[in-house]
C-alpha atoms as a PDB file:
ATOM      1  CA  MET A   1      34.781-155.055 176.575  1.00  0.00           C
ATOM      2  CA  ILE A   2      33.620-151.587 175.539  1.00  0.00           C
ATOM      3  CA  ALA A   3      35.478-151.955 172.200  1.00  0.00           C
ATOM      4  CA  PHE A   4      33.817-155.338 171.654  1.00  0.00           C
ATOM      5  CA  LYS A   5      30.363-153.836 172.320  1.00  0.00           C
ATOM      6  CA  ARG A   6      31.051-150.946 169.963  1.00  0.00           C
ATOM      7  CA  SER A   7      32.167-153.344 167.190  1.00  0.00           C
ATOM      8  CA  THR A   8      29.087-155.501 167.708  1.00  0.00           C
ATOM      9  CA  ILE A   9      26.790-152.474 167.479  1.00  0.00           C
ATOM     10  CA  LEU A  10      28.521-151.253 164.297  1.00  0.00           C
ATOM     11  CA  ILE A  11      28.174-154.700 162.683  1.00  0.00           C
ATOM     12  CA  CYS A  12      24.475-154.797 163.592  1.00  0.00           C
ATOM     13  CA  ILE A  13      23.932-151.333 162.109  1.00  0.00           C
ATOM     14  CA  PHE A  14      25.816-152.363 158.954  1.00  0.00           C
ATOM     15  CA  PHE A  15      23.675-155.459 158.371  1.00  0.00           C
ATOM     16  CA  SER A  16      20.493-153.540 159.204  1.00  0.00           C
ATOM     17  CA  LEU A  17      21.355-151.003 156.500  1.00  0.00           C
ATOM     18  CA  ILE A  18      22.016-153.787 153.998  1.00  0.00           C
ATOM     19  CA  ASN A  19      18.645-155.368 154.785  1.00  0.00           C
ATOM     20  CA  ILE A  20      16.884-152.023 154.439  1.00  0.00           C
ATOM     21  CA  CYS A  21      18.557-151.395 151.053  1.00  0.00           C
ATOM     22  CA  TYR A  22      17.687-154.834 149.698  1.00  0.00           C
ATOM     23  CA  SER A  23      14.107-154.635 150.924  1.00  0.00           C
ATOM     24  CA  LYS A  24      13.672-151.272 149.183  1.00  0.00           C
ATOM     25  CA  ILE A  25      15.275-152.327 145.911  1.00  0.00           C
ATOM     26  CA  GLN A  26      13.756-155.834 145.955  1.00  0.00           C
ATOM     27  CA  LEU A  27      16.382-157.201 143.623  1.00  0.00           C
ATOM     28  CA  LYS A  28      15.474-160.283 141.641  1.00  0.00           C
ATOM     29  CA  ILE A  29      17.710-162.360 139.440  1.00  0.00           C
ATOM     30  CA  ILE A  30      16.204-162.045 135.953  1.00  0.00           C
ATOM     31  CA  MET A  31      18.778-163.964 133.943  1.00  0.00           C
ATOM     32  CA  LYS A  32      22.290-165.330 133.933  1.00  0.00           C
ATOM     33  CA  ILE A  33      24.733-164.877 131.042  1.00  0.00           C
ATOM     34  CA  ASP A  34      27.602-167.327 131.415  1.00  0.00           C
ATOM     35  CA  ASN A  35      28.653-166.695 135.045  1.00  0.00           C
ATOM     36  CA  GLU A  36      27.288-163.153 135.319  1.00  0.00           C
ATOM     37  CA  ILE A  37      23.948-162.283 136.930  1.00  0.00           C
ATOM     38  CA  ILE A  38      21.478-159.762 135.459  1.00  0.00           C
ATOM     39  CA  THR A  39      19.090-158.369 138.068  1.00  0.00           C
ATOM     40  CA  SER A  40      15.696-156.672 137.932  1.00  0.00           C
ATOM     41  CA  HIS A  41      17.545-153.406 138.640  1.00  0.00           C
ATOM     42  CA  ASP A  42      19.632-153.827 135.456  1.00  0.00           C
ATOM     43  CA  VAL A  43      16.541-154.478 133.334  1.00  0.00           C
ATOM     44  CA  GLU A  44      14.578-151.637 134.958  1.00  0.00           C
ATOM     45  CA  LYS A  45      17.469-149.291 134.194  1.00  0.00           C
ATOM     46  CA  GLU A  46      17.390-150.427 130.559  1.00  0.00           C
ATOM     47  CA  ILE A  47      13.620-149.852 130.362  1.00  0.00           C
ATOM     48  CA  ASN A  48      14.144-146.288 131.626  1.00  0.00           C
ATOM     49  CA  TYR A  49      16.942-145.738 129.104  1.00  0.00           C
ATOM     50  CA  LEU A  50      14.829-146.985 126.188  1.00  0.00           C
ATOM     51  CA  LYS A  51      11.858-144.856 127.264  1.00  0.00           C
ATOM     52  CA  ALA A  52      14.125-141.799 127.513  1.00  0.00           C
ATOM     53  CA  LEU A  53      15.390-142.356 123.958  1.00  0.00           C
ATOM     54  CA  ASN A  54      11.961-143.148 122.566  1.00  0.00           C
ATOM     55  CA  PRO A  55       9.094-141.608 124.621  1.00  0.00           C
ATOM     56  CA  ARG A  56       6.484-143.383 122.454  1.00  0.00           C
ATOM     57  CA  LEU A  57       7.628-146.673 123.954  1.00  0.00           C
ATOM     58  CA  SER A  58       5.425-145.932 126.976  1.00  0.00           C
ATOM     59  CA  GLN A  59       2.394-146.502 124.731  1.00  0.00           C
ATOM     60  CA  ILE A  60       2.943-150.243 124.357  1.00  0.00           C
ATOM     61  CA  ASP A  61       2.207-153.117 126.716  1.00  0.00           C
ATOM     62  CA  GLU A  62       4.565-153.422 129.723  1.00  0.00           C
ATOM     63  CA  ASN A  63       5.272-157.085 128.933  1.00  0.00           C
ATOM     64  CA  GLU A  64       6.438-156.130 125.455  1.00  0.00           C
ATOM     65  CA  ILE A  65       8.649-153.371 126.889  1.00  0.00           C
ATOM     66  CA  LEU A  66      10.153-155.974 129.227  1.00  0.00           C
ATOM     67  CA  ILE A  67      10.948-158.238 126.239  1.00  0.00           C
ATOM     68  CA  ILE A  68      12.675-155.318 124.465  1.00  0.00           C
ATOM     69  CA  ALA A  69      14.663-154.390 127.583  1.00  0.00           C
ATOM     70  CA  LYS A  70      15.813-157.975 128.198  1.00  0.00           C
ATOM     71  CA  LYS A  71      16.952-158.315 124.577  1.00  0.00           C
ATOM     72  CA  SER A  72      18.749-154.964 124.770  1.00  0.00           C
ATOM     73  CA  THR A  73      20.397-155.812 128.114  1.00  0.00           C
ATOM     74  CA  ILE A  74      21.702-159.125 126.751  1.00  0.00           C
ATOM     75  CA  LYS A  75      23.070-157.393 123.665  1.00  0.00           C
ATOM     76  CA  GLU A  76      24.852-154.697 125.658  1.00  0.00           C
ATOM     77  CA  PHE A  77      26.272-157.198 128.160  1.00  0.00           C
ATOM     78  CA  ILE A  78      27.681-159.453 125.403  1.00  0.00           C
ATOM     79  CA  LYS A  79      29.196-156.486 123.556  1.00  0.00           C
ATOM     80  CA  LYS A  80      30.757-155.100 126.733  1.00  0.00           C
ATOM     81  CA  LYS A  81      32.221-158.471 127.708  1.00  0.00           C
ATOM     82  CA  GLU A  82      33.763-158.924 124.256  1.00  0.00           C
ATOM     83  CA  ILE A  83      35.216-155.385 124.250  1.00  0.00           C
ATOM     84  CA  GLN A  84      36.790-155.875 127.678  1.00  0.00           C
ATOM     85  CA  LYS A  85      38.818-158.794 126.367  1.00  0.00           C
ATOM     86  CA  TYR A  86      40.908-156.179 124.555  1.00  0.00           C
ATOM     87  CA  LYS A  87      40.529-152.878 126.430  1.00  0.00           C
ATOM     88  CA  GLU A  88      38.749-150.989 129.197  1.00  0.00           C
ATOM     89  CA  LEU A  89      35.963-148.508 128.537  1.00  0.00           C
ATOM     90  CA  ASN A  90      37.007-144.848 128.447  1.00  0.00           C
ATOM     91  CA  LEU A  91      34.245-142.420 129.452  1.00  0.00           C
ATOM     92  CA  GLN A  92      36.544-139.507 128.490  1.00  0.00           C
ATOM     93  CA  ASN A  93      36.503-140.578 124.823  1.00  0.00           C
ATOM     94  CA  PRO A  94      35.844-137.329 122.820  1.00  0.00           C
ATOM     95  CA  GLN A  95      33.574-139.268 120.411  1.00  0.00           C
ATOM     96  CA  ILE A  96      31.054-139.587 123.250  1.00  0.00           C
ATOM     97  CA  ASP A  97      30.384-135.833 123.109  1.00  0.00           C
ATOM     98  CA  ASP A  98      29.533-136.040 119.391  1.00  0.00           C
ATOM     99  CA  VAL A  99      26.918-138.729 120.080  1.00  0.00           C
ATOM    100  CA  LEU A 100      25.550-136.753 123.056  1.00  0.00           C
ATOM    101  CA  ASN A 101      25.145-133.681 120.827  1.00  0.00           C
ATOM    102  CA  ASN A 102      23.213-135.750 118.271  1.00  0.00           C
ATOM    103  CA  LEU A 103      21.024-137.101 121.068  1.00  0.00           C
ATOM    104  CA  ILE A 104      20.339-133.558 122.329  1.00  0.00           C
ATOM    105  CA  GLN A 105      19.185-132.596 118.810  1.00  0.00           C
ATOM    106  CA  ASN A 106      17.034-135.724 118.379  1.00  0.00           C
ATOM    107  CA  LEU A 107      15.265-135.033 121.680  1.00  0.00           C
ATOM    108  CA  ASN A 108      14.737-131.352 120.726  1.00  0.00           C
ATOM    109  CA  LEU A 109      16.807-130.138 123.669  1.00  0.00           C
ATOM    110  CA  LYS A 110      19.224-127.197 123.702  1.00  0.00           C
ATOM    111  CA  ASN A 111      22.265-128.303 125.685  1.00  0.00           C
ATOM    112  CA  GLU A 112      23.758-130.920 128.003  1.00  0.00           C
ATOM    113  CA  ASN A 113      22.205-129.334 131.110  1.00  0.00           C
ATOM    114  CA  GLN A 114      18.745-129.803 129.604  1.00  0.00           C
ATOM    115  CA  LEU A 115      19.682-133.376 128.751  1.00  0.00           C
ATOM    116  CA  LYS A 116      20.733-134.006 132.374  1.00  0.00           C
ATOM    117  CA  ASP A 117      17.395-132.642 133.625  1.00  0.00           C
ATOM    118  CA  TYR A 118      15.491-134.708 131.053  1.00  0.00           C
ATOM    119  CA  ILE A 119      17.156-138.047 131.862  1.00  0.00           C
ATOM    120  CA  LYS A 120      16.845-137.399 135.605  1.00  0.00           C
ATOM    121  CA  ASN A 121      13.106-137.985 135.098  1.00  0.00           C
ATOM    122  CA  PHE A 122      14.028-141.532 134.058  1.00  0.00           C
ATOM    123  CA  ASP A 123      16.377-142.081 137.013  1.00  0.00           C
ATOM    124  CA  LEU A 124      19.417-141.881 134.724  1.00  0.00           C
ATOM    125  CA  SER A 125      22.653-139.921 134.971  1.00  0.00           C
ATOM    126  CA  ILE A 126      24.873-138.510 132.239  1.00  0.00           C
ATOM    127  CA  GLU A 127      27.448-141.165 133.225  1.00  0.00           C
ATOM    128  CA  ASP A 128      24.862-143.871 132.441  1.00  0.00           C
ATOM    129  CA  LEU A 129      24.469-142.447 128.931  1.00  0.00           C
ATOM    130  CA  LYS A 130      28.215-142.071 128.420  1.00  0.00           C
ATOM    131  CA  ARG A 131      28.804-145.684 129.424  1.00  0.00           C
ATOM    132  CA  LYS A 132      26.238-146.945 126.917  1.00  0.00           C
ATOM    133  CA  ILE A 133      27.569-144.690 124.151  1.00  0.00           C
ATOM    134  CA  GLU A 134      31.147-145.827 124.808  1.00  0.00           C
ATOM    135  CA  ILE A 135      30.122-149.501 124.595  1.00  0.00           C
ATOM    136  CA  GLU A 136      28.601-148.834 121.152  1.00  0.00           C
ATOM    137  CA  ASN A 137      31.644-146.787 120.061  1.00  0.00           C
ATOM    138  CA  GLU A 138      34.115-149.474 121.089  1.00  0.00           C
ATOM    139  CA  TRP A 139      31.981-152.221 119.555  1.00  0.00           C
ATOM    140  CA  LYS A 140      32.039-150.387 116.215  1.00  0.00           C
ATOM    141  CA  GLN A 141      35.817-150.023 116.484  1.00  0.00           C
ATOM    142  CA  LEU A 142      36.092-153.745 117.199  1.00  0.00           C
ATOM    143  CA  ILE A 143      33.950-154.633 114.170  1.00  0.00           C
ATOM    144  CA  TYR A 144      35.931-152.206 112.003  1.00  0.00           C
ATOM    145  CA  SER A 145      39.276-153.749 112.967  1.00  0.00           C
ATOM    146  CA  ARG A 146      37.992-157.294 112.404  1.00  0.00           C
ATOM    147  CA  TYR A 147      36.117-156.829 109.125  1.00  0.00           C
ATOM    148  CA  ILE A 148      37.295-153.716 107.259  1.00  0.00           C
ATOM    149  CA  LYS A 149      39.478-155.830 104.946  1.00  0.00           C
ATOM    150  CA  THR A 150      36.412-157.919 104.066  1.00  0.00           C
ATOM    151  CA  VAL A 151      34.379-154.900 102.887  1.00  0.00           C
ATOM    152  CA  LYS A 152      34.042-154.738  99.107  1.00  0.00           C
ATOM    153  CA  ILE A 153      33.109-151.462  97.380  1.00  0.00           C
ATOM    154  CA  ASP A 154      32.168-151.245  93.702  1.00  0.00           C
ATOM    155  CA  LYS A 155      33.614-147.780  93.002  1.00  0.00           C
ATOM    156  CA  GLU A 156      32.754-147.897  89.305  1.00  0.00           C
ATOM    157  CA  ARG A 157      29.062-148.338  90.074  1.00  0.00           C
ATOM    158  CA  LEU A 158      29.139-145.431  92.544  1.00  0.00           C
ATOM    159  CA  ILE A 159      30.965-143.138  90.090  1.00  0.00           C
ATOM    160  CA  GLU A 160      28.420-144.020  87.404  1.00  0.00           C
ATOM    161  CA  LYS A 161      25.620-143.086  89.792  1.00  0.00           C
ATOM    162  CA  ILE A 162      27.269-139.751  90.660  1.00  0.00           C
ATOM    163  CA  GLU A 163      27.704-138.885  86.962  1.00  0.00           C
ATOM    164  CA  LYS A 164      24.041-139.607  86.316  1.00  0.00           C
ATOM    165  CA  ASN A 165      22.880-137.506  89.300  1.00  0.00           C
ATOM    166  CA  SER A 166      25.222-134.591  88.506  1.00  0.00           C
ATOM    167  CA  LYS A 167      22.988-133.742  85.518  1.00  0.00           C
ATOM    168  CA  GLU A 168      19.981-133.060  87.774  1.00  0.00           C
ATOM    169  CA  LYS A 169      19.201-129.576  89.142  1.00  0.00           C
ATOM    170  CA  PHE A 170      17.656-130.843  92.371  1.00  0.00           C
ATOM    171  CA  ILE A 171      18.255-133.900  94.526  1.00  0.00           C
ATOM    172  CA  GLU A 172      15.519-135.560  96.543  1.00  0.00           C
ATOM    173  CA  GLU A 173      16.196-136.549 100.162  1.00  0.00           C
ATOM    174  CA  TYR A 174      14.205-138.916 102.357  1.00  0.00           C
ATOM    175  CA  ASN A 175      13.977-138.810 106.142  1.00  0.00           C
ATOM    176  CA  LEU A 176      13.768-142.554 106.820  1.00  0.00           C
ATOM    177  CA  SER A 177      13.169-145.055 109.593  1.00  0.00           C
ATOM    178  CA  GLU A 178      13.832-148.782 109.284  1.00  0.00           C
ATOM    179  CA  ILE A 179      12.963-152.168 110.707  1.00  0.00           C
ATOM    180  CA  VAL A 180      15.575-154.827 109.943  1.00  0.00           C
ATOM    181  CA  PHE A 181      14.780-158.473 110.601  1.00  0.00           C
ATOM    182  CA  THR A 182      15.714-162.024 109.718  1.00  0.00           C
ATOM    183  CA  LYS A 183      13.374-164.966 109.327  1.00  0.00           C
ATOM    184  CA  LYS A 184      12.507-166.714 112.601  1.00  0.00           C
ATOM    185  CA  ASN A 185      13.072-170.466 112.611  1.00  0.00           C
ATOM    186  CA  ASP A 186       9.599-171.236 113.959  1.00  0.00           C
ATOM    187  CA  LEU A 187       7.780-168.977 111.444  1.00  0.00           C
ATOM    188  CA  THR A 188       7.705-168.688 107.663  1.00  0.00           C
ATOM    189  CA  LEU A 189       8.799-165.369 106.193  1.00  0.00           C
ATOM    190  CA  ASN A 190       5.187-164.467 105.361  1.00  0.00           C
ATOM    191  CA  GLU A 191       4.040-165.287 108.900  1.00  0.00           C
ATOM    192  CA  PHE A 192       6.789-163.211 110.510  1.00  0.00           C
ATOM    193  CA  SER A 193       6.288-160.304 108.077  1.00  0.00           C
ATOM    194  CA  LYS A 194       2.577-160.359 108.891  1.00  0.00           C
ATOM    195  CA  LYS A 195       3.368-160.361 112.618  1.00  0.00           C
ATOM    196  CA  ILE A 196       5.566-157.265 112.190  1.00  0.00           C
ATOM    197  CA  GLN A 197       2.978-155.462 110.060  1.00  0.00           C
ATOM    198  CA  GLU A 198       0.258-156.223 112.622  1.00  0.00           C
ATOM    199  CA  SER A 199       2.528-154.775 115.317  1.00  0.00           C
ATOM    200  CA  ILE A 200       3.056-151.609 113.245  1.00  0.00           C
ATOM    201  CA  GLU A 201      -0.725-151.167 112.987  1.00  0.00           C
ATOM    202  CA  LYS A 202      -1.170-151.780 116.713  1.00  0.00           C
ATOM    203  CA  ASN A 203       1.921-150.180 118.287  1.00  0.00           C
ATOM    204  CA  GLY A 204       3.263-147.829 115.615  1.00  0.00           C
ATOM    205  CA  PHE A 205       6.416-148.091 113.507  1.00  0.00           C
ATOM    206  CA  GLU A 206       8.849-146.799 116.164  1.00  0.00           C
ATOM    207  CA  ASN A 207       7.697-149.202 118.875  1.00  0.00           C
ATOM    208  CA  THR A 208       7.740-152.119 116.431  1.00  0.00           C
ATOM    209  CA  ALA A 209      11.344-151.226 115.551  1.00  0.00           C
ATOM    210  CA  ASN A 210      12.132-151.437 119.279  1.00  0.00           C
ATOM    211  CA  LEU A 211      10.429-154.816 119.465  1.00  0.00           C
ATOM    212  CA  TYR A 212      11.691-156.611 116.364  1.00  0.00           C
ATOM    213  CA  SER A 213      14.502-154.760 114.583  1.00  0.00           C
ATOM    214  CA  ILE A 214      18.007-156.231 114.837  1.00  0.00           C
ATOM    215  CA  SER A 215      19.612-152.948 113.724  1.00  0.00           C
ATOM    216  CA  ASP A 216      21.306-150.609 116.218  1.00  0.00           C
ATOM    217  CA  SER A 217      18.763-147.992 115.103  1.00  0.00           C
ATOM    218  CA  ALA A 218      16.104-149.991 117.018  1.00  0.00           C
ATOM    219  CA  LYS A 219      16.918-148.112 120.246  1.00  0.00           C
ATOM    220  CA  VAL A 220      15.806-144.836 118.642  1.00  0.00           C
ATOM    221  CA  GLY A 221      12.673-146.271 117.046  1.00  0.00           C
ATOM    222  CA  GLY A 222      14.441-147.228 113.817  1.00  0.00           C
ATOM    223  CA  LYS A 223      15.324-143.638 112.889  1.00  0.00           C
ATOM    224  CA  ILE A 224      18.032-143.304 110.222  1.00  0.00           C
ATOM    225  CA  GLY A 225      17.608-139.600 109.419  1.00  0.00           C
ATOM    226  CA  TRP A 226      18.043-137.787 106.104  1.00  0.00           C
ATOM    227  CA  VAL A 227      19.339-139.892 103.206  1.00  0.00           C
ATOM    228  CA  ARG A 228      19.915-138.675  99.646  1.00  0.00           C
ATOM    229  CA  LYS A 229      17.930-140.564  97.053  1.00  0.00           C
ATOM    230  CA  ASN A 230      20.996-140.881  94.822  1.00  0.00           C
ATOM    231  CA  ILE A 231      22.887-143.049  97.312  1.00  0.00           C
ATOM    232  CA  LEU A 232      20.074-145.579  97.681  1.00  0.00           C
ATOM    233  CA  SER A 233      19.960-148.754  95.606  1.00  0.00           C
ATOM    234  CA  ASP A 234      17.513-149.000  92.693  1.00  0.00           C
ATOM    235  CA  GLN A 235      15.656-151.691  94.639  1.00  0.00           C
ATOM    236  CA  ILE A 236      14.977-149.303  97.549  1.00  0.00           C
ATOM    237  CA  ILE A 237      14.195-146.315  95.293  1.00  0.00           C
ATOM    238  CA  ASN A 238      11.615-148.324  93.314  1.00  0.00           C
ATOM    239  CA  GLU A 239       9.867-149.205  96.579  1.00  0.00           C
ATOM    240  CA  LEU A 240      10.000-145.705  98.094  1.00  0.00           C
ATOM    241  CA  LYS A 241       8.914-143.734  95.014  1.00  0.00           C
ATOM    242  CA  ASN A 242       5.325-144.981  95.330  1.00  0.00           C
ATOM    243  CA  LEU A 243       5.064-144.253  99.070  1.00  0.00           C
ATOM    244  CA  GLU A 244       3.552-141.185 100.682  1.00  0.00           C
ATOM    245  CA  ILE A 245       4.857-139.543 103.853  1.00  0.00           C
ATOM    246  CA  ASN A 246       4.271-141.668 107.018  1.00  0.00           C
ATOM    247  CA  ASN A 247       3.725-144.800 104.912  1.00  0.00           C
ATOM    248  CA  TYR A 248       6.011-147.810 105.014  1.00  0.00           C
ATOM    249  CA  SER A 249       7.303-150.266 102.433  1.00  0.00           C
ATOM    250  CA  SER A 250       6.782-153.974 101.985  1.00  0.00           C
ATOM    251  CA  PRO A 251       9.646-156.121 103.322  1.00  0.00           C
ATOM    252  CA  LEU A 252      12.670-155.928 100.986  1.00  0.00           C
ATOM    253  CA  GLN A 253      15.336-158.619 100.984  1.00  0.00           C
ATOM    254  CA  ILE A 254      18.821-157.096 100.981  1.00  0.00           C
ATOM    255  CA  ASN A 255      21.542-159.723 101.301  1.00  0.00           C
ATOM    256  CA  ASN A 256      20.471-162.017 104.172  1.00  0.00           C
ATOM    257  CA  ASN A 257      18.221-159.508 105.961  1.00  0.00           C
ATOM    258  CA  PHE A 258      14.782-158.017 105.342  1.00  0.00           C
ATOM    259  CA  PHE A 259      14.092-154.274 105.562  1.00  0.00           C
ATOM    260  CA  ILE A 260      10.907-152.267 106.019  1.00  0.00           C
ATOM    261  CA  PHE A 261      11.365-148.532 105.392  1.00  0.00           C
ATOM    262  CA  LYS A 262       9.122-145.702 106.542  1.00  0.00           C
ATOM    263  CA  ILE A 263       9.196-142.225 104.960  1.00  0.00           C
ATOM    264  CA  ASN A 264       8.981-139.529 107.652  1.00  0.00           C
ATOM    265  CA  GLU A 265       9.636-136.524 105.375  1.00  0.00           C
ATOM    266  CA  ILE A 266      10.703-135.712 101.796  1.00  0.00           C
ATOM    267  CA  ARG A 267      12.582-132.631 100.633  1.00  0.00           C
ATOM    268  CA  LYS A 268      14.448-131.378  97.570  1.00  0.00           C
ATOM    269  CA  ILE A 269      17.790-129.631  97.773  1.00  0.00           C
ATOM    270  CA  GLN A 270      19.748-127.844  95.063  1.00  0.00           C
ATOM    271  CA  ALA A 271      22.188-130.179  93.367  1.00  0.00           C
ATOM    272  CA  GLU A 272      25.671-128.774  93.826  1.00  0.00           C
ATOM    273  CA  ILE A 273      27.654-131.969  93.702  1.00  0.00           C
ATOM    274  CA  ASP A 274      31.332-132.090  94.576  1.00  0.00           C
ATOM    275  CA  LYS A 275      32.002-135.418  92.878  1.00  0.00           C
ATOM    276  CA  LYS A 276      34.963-136.363  95.075  1.00  0.00           C
ATOM    277  CA  LYS A 277      33.131-135.542  98.328  1.00  0.00           C
ATOM    278  CA  GLU A 278      30.035-137.342  97.059  1.00  0.00           C
ATOM    279  CA  LEU A 279      32.075-140.441  96.236  1.00  0.00           C
ATOM    280  CA  ASP A 280      33.740-140.376  99.676  1.00  0.00           C
ATOM    281  CA  LYS A 281      30.320-140.067 101.309  1.00  0.00           C
ATOM    282  CA  MET A 282      28.850-142.938  99.298  1.00  0.00           C
ATOM    283  CA  ILE A 283      31.855-145.161 100.090  1.00  0.00           C
ATOM    284  CA  LEU A 284      31.454-144.348 103.794  1.00  0.00           C
ATOM    285  CA  ILE A 285      27.735-145.226 103.742  1.00  0.00           C
ATOM    286  CA  GLU A 286      28.312-148.447 101.809  1.00  0.00           C
ATOM    287  CA  THR A 287      31.143-149.404 104.192  1.00  0.00           C
ATOM    288  CA  SER A 288      28.881-148.746 107.213  1.00  0.00           C
ATOM    289  CA  LYS A 289      26.135-150.935 105.719  1.00  0.00           C
ATOM    290  CA  GLN A 290      28.498-153.844 105.226  1.00  0.00           C
ATOM    291  CA  LEU A 291      30.057-153.427 108.670  1.00  0.00           C
ATOM    292  CA  ASP A 292      26.555-153.428 110.217  1.00  0.00           C
ATOM    293  CA  LYS A 293      25.933-156.762 108.509  1.00  0.00           C
ATOM    294  CA  PHE A 294      29.199-158.173 109.910  1.00  0.00           C
ATOM    295  CA  SER A 295      28.326-156.731 113.324  1.00  0.00           C
ATOM    296  CA  ASN A 296      25.075-158.728 113.429  1.00  0.00           C
ATOM    297  CA  ILE A 297      26.834-161.905 112.272  1.00  0.00           C
ATOM    298  CA  PHE A 298      29.611-161.541 114.869  1.00  0.00           C
ATOM    299  CA  TYR A 299      27.186-160.684 117.695  1.00  0.00           C
ATOM    300  CA  ASN A 300      24.935-163.659 116.906  1.00  0.00           C
ATOM    301  CA  LYS A 301      27.966-165.944 116.837  1.00  0.00           C
ATOM    302  CA  ILE A 302      29.035-164.798 120.335  1.00  0.00           C
ATOM    303  CA  LYS A 303      25.457-165.025 121.613  1.00  0.00           C
ATOM    304  CA  LEU A 304      25.149-168.574 120.286  1.00  0.00           C
ATOM    305  CA  ASN A 305      28.260-169.562 122.258  1.00  0.00           C
ATOM    306  CA  SER A 306      27.041-167.841 125.434  1.00  0.00           C
ATOM    307  CA  LYS A 307      25.019-169.670 128.053  1.00  0.00           C
ATOM    308  CA  ILE A 308      21.910-167.559 128.704  1.00  0.00           C
ATOM    309  CA  SER A 309      19.438-168.677 131.368  1.00  0.00           C
ATOM    310  CA  GLU A 310      16.245-166.793 132.248  1.00  0.00           C
ATOM    311  CA  PHE A 311      14.542-167.148 135.628  1.00  0.00           C
END
């Protein structure tokens, strides 16, 4: 009898704790992807993550931030599900540390301890960051294995470009950000371009990248970083050469996507070109561009075949 009473009391305490936890968290079902549920906690966590990566995001309307976070949560969930068909995530992957070090630099922090303190303000842990980084790492590996044989590089064109640039004493470099988009079915290209440009004027370039860009750089406000002028296409160079710092280009069609570039800084460095290294670098960049294109195609194909319901 005493044992029965004790068990009953323990069960009551257990359910009381559950009720307390749920009442505090106030979980709501936000959406369903296939048979998996995405809760308000998942989306709130994503909002915190995006704000941590891009502090300027706090400047825009909360409803717009919610749209960004939902889109980002769906994307991460679909990528993770596809990856786990083939392998489990490995948070001990040494490549994670390389990405963390880049993040520390981008946030103007000194070390991982400072990063831990910084993300704690957004209710995030270092494990949260590692999990997200590993999903992106494994997704890139998946895309590489599927599409690397489809990548086509015009080496002759690249060599010709290197020969031309090797005659110059200085090379110009641009610190760039980007917004990459495709035409929406319900809007003409001009209408959608105008919508993006209006958002840039209202919310700033970085926040607009978060809102509309389909590139992975969207999470960091579209930042690409330093790019040598000599590896850019003539189409991009012709657009950038007339821009001043902090200005952005008109939409440029490159393959099936449209790009808007912003110049953050310009610098000149002494041209000491190792032709072989330069060629390897240009091949790597061109390969990455093409794989990014295949990544978007593959992701959109999976998304199209997924059943996504919002509540």
